Amino acid sequence: MGKVRKKFSAAQIFFVATFVATANTVSNSFVIWDNKIELGLFSGFTFVVGLVLAIIIFKQKE
């Protein structure tokens, strides 16, 4: 396993916030969330996917 960076750049943080907000807005227009736990799990999964995409897209030089 590689070394894990614990700090993110401003661009990565902005990308994740925008990605999660957009995904949640679009999903809320299509899905009626009866159970808030499902919404929380979906939001958490979307957050993790956004973090992975941000790391891949905005690679930092070590």
C-alpha atoms as a PDB file:
ATOM      1  CA  MET A   1       0.000   0.000   0.000  1.00  0.00           C
ATOM      2  CA  GLY A   2       1.200   3.481  -0.772  1.00  0.00           C
ATOM      3  CA  LYS A   3       1.641   6.389   1.542  1.00  0.00           C
ATOM      4  CA  VAL A   4      -1.662   8.045   2.466  1.00  0.00           C
ATOM      5  CA  ARG A   5      -1.785  11.846   2.268  1.00  0.00           C
ATOM      6  CA  LYS A   6      -3.913  13.444   4.939  1.00  0.00           C
ATOM      7  CA  LYS A   7      -4.094  16.934   3.452  1.00  0.00           C
ATOM      8  CA  PHE A   8      -6.128  17.969   0.447  1.00  0.00           C
ATOM      9  CA  SER A   9      -5.720  21.045  -1.710  1.00  0.00           C
ATOM     10  CA  ALA A  10      -8.395  23.709  -1.994  1.00  0.00           C
ATOM     11  CA  ALA A  11      -9.250  22.491  -5.503  1.00  0.00           C
ATOM     12  CA  GLN A  12      -9.816  18.952  -4.240  1.00  0.00           C
ATOM     13  CA  ILE A  13     -12.052  20.123  -1.393  1.00  0.00           C
ATOM     14  CA  PHE A  14     -14.082  22.347  -3.736  1.00  0.00           C
ATOM     15  CA  PHE A  15     -14.432  19.494  -6.245  1.00  0.00           C
ATOM     16  CA  VAL A  16     -15.685  17.054  -3.585  1.00  0.00           C
ATOM     17  CA  ALA A  17     -18.170  19.586  -2.192  1.00  0.00           C
ATOM     18  CA  THR A  18     -19.507  20.384  -5.667  1.00  0.00           C
ATOM     19  CA  PHE A  19     -19.660  16.711  -6.652  1.00  0.00           C
ATOM     20  CA  VAL A  20     -21.567  15.661  -3.519  1.00  0.00           C
ATOM     21  CA  ALA A  21     -23.979  18.605  -3.694  1.00  0.00           C
ATOM     22  CA  THR A  22     -24.741  17.932  -7.364  1.00  0.00           C
ATOM     23  CA  ALA A  23     -25.171  14.177  -6.880  1.00  0.00           C
ATOM     24  CA  ASN A  24     -27.459  14.654  -3.873  1.00  0.00           C
ATOM     25  CA  THR A  25     -29.559  17.277  -5.653  1.00  0.00           C
ATOM     26  CA  VAL A  26     -30.015  15.099  -8.732  1.00  0.00           C
ATOM     27  CA  SER A  27     -30.780  11.973  -6.691  1.00  0.00           C
ATOM     28  CA  ASN A  28     -33.300  13.841  -4.516  1.00  0.00           C
ATOM     29  CA  SER A  29     -35.208  14.893  -7.628  1.00  0.00           C
ATOM     30  CA  PHE A  30     -35.551  11.252  -8.750  1.00  0.00           C
ATOM     31  CA  VAL A  31     -35.835   9.351  -5.445  1.00  0.00           C
ATOM     32  CA  ILE A  32     -38.214   9.885  -2.547  1.00  0.00           C
ATOM     33  CA  TRP A  33     -36.123   8.973   0.486  1.00  0.00           C
ATOM     34  CA  ASP A  34     -38.481   7.343   3.002  1.00  0.00           C
ATOM     35  CA  ASN A  35     -35.656   6.292   5.279  1.00  0.00           C
ATOM     36  CA  LYS A  36     -33.071   8.909   6.277  1.00  0.00           C
ATOM     37  CA  ILE A  37     -30.482   6.177   6.900  1.00  0.00           C
ATOM     38  CA  GLU A  38     -30.556   5.313   3.198  1.00  0.00           C
ATOM     39  CA  LEU A  39     -30.004   8.964   2.327  1.00  0.00           C
ATOM     40  CA  GLY A  40     -27.092   9.143   4.765  1.00  0.00           C
ATOM     41  CA  LEU A  41     -25.502   5.997   3.350  1.00  0.00           C
ATOM     42  CA  PHE A  42     -25.897   7.301  -0.193  1.00  0.00           C
ATOM     43  CA  SER A  43     -24.377  10.654   0.779  1.00  0.00           C
ATOM     44  CA  GLY A  44     -21.458   8.955   2.524  1.00  0.00           C
ATOM     45  CA  PHE A  45     -20.818   6.705  -0.463  1.00  0.00           C
ATOM     46  CA  THR A  46     -20.999   9.720  -2.784  1.00  0.00           C
ATOM     47  CA  PHE A  47     -18.502  11.552  -0.558  1.00  0.00           C
ATOM     48  CA  VAL A  48     -16.014   8.666  -0.736  1.00  0.00           C
ATOM     49  CA  VAL A  49     -16.394   8.424  -4.518  1.00  0.00           C
ATOM     50  CA  GLY A  50     -15.844  12.186  -4.763  1.00  0.00           C
ATOM     51  CA  LEU A  51     -12.668  11.924  -2.682  1.00  0.00           C
ATOM     52  CA  VAL A  52     -11.285   9.172  -4.894  1.00  0.00           C
ATOM     53  CA  LEU A  53     -12.100  11.149  -8.041  1.00  0.00           C
ATOM     54  CA  ALA A  54     -10.505  14.288  -6.585  1.00  0.00           C
ATOM     55  CA  ILE A  55      -7.322  12.386  -5.764  1.00  0.00           C
ATOM     56  CA  ILE A  56      -7.186  10.934  -9.281  1.00  0.00           C
ATOM     57  CA  ILE A  57      -8.016  14.178 -11.108  1.00  0.00           C
ATOM     58  CA  PHE A  58      -5.974  16.612  -9.006  1.00  0.00           C
ATOM     59  CA  LYS A  59      -2.725  14.762  -8.397  1.00  0.00           C
ATOM     60  CA  GLN A  60      -0.293  16.659  -6.196  1.00  0.00           C
ATOM     61  CA  LYS A  61       3.441  16.554  -6.626  1.00  0.00           C
ATOM     62  CA  GLU A  62       5.126  15.048  -3.596  1.00  0.00           C
END
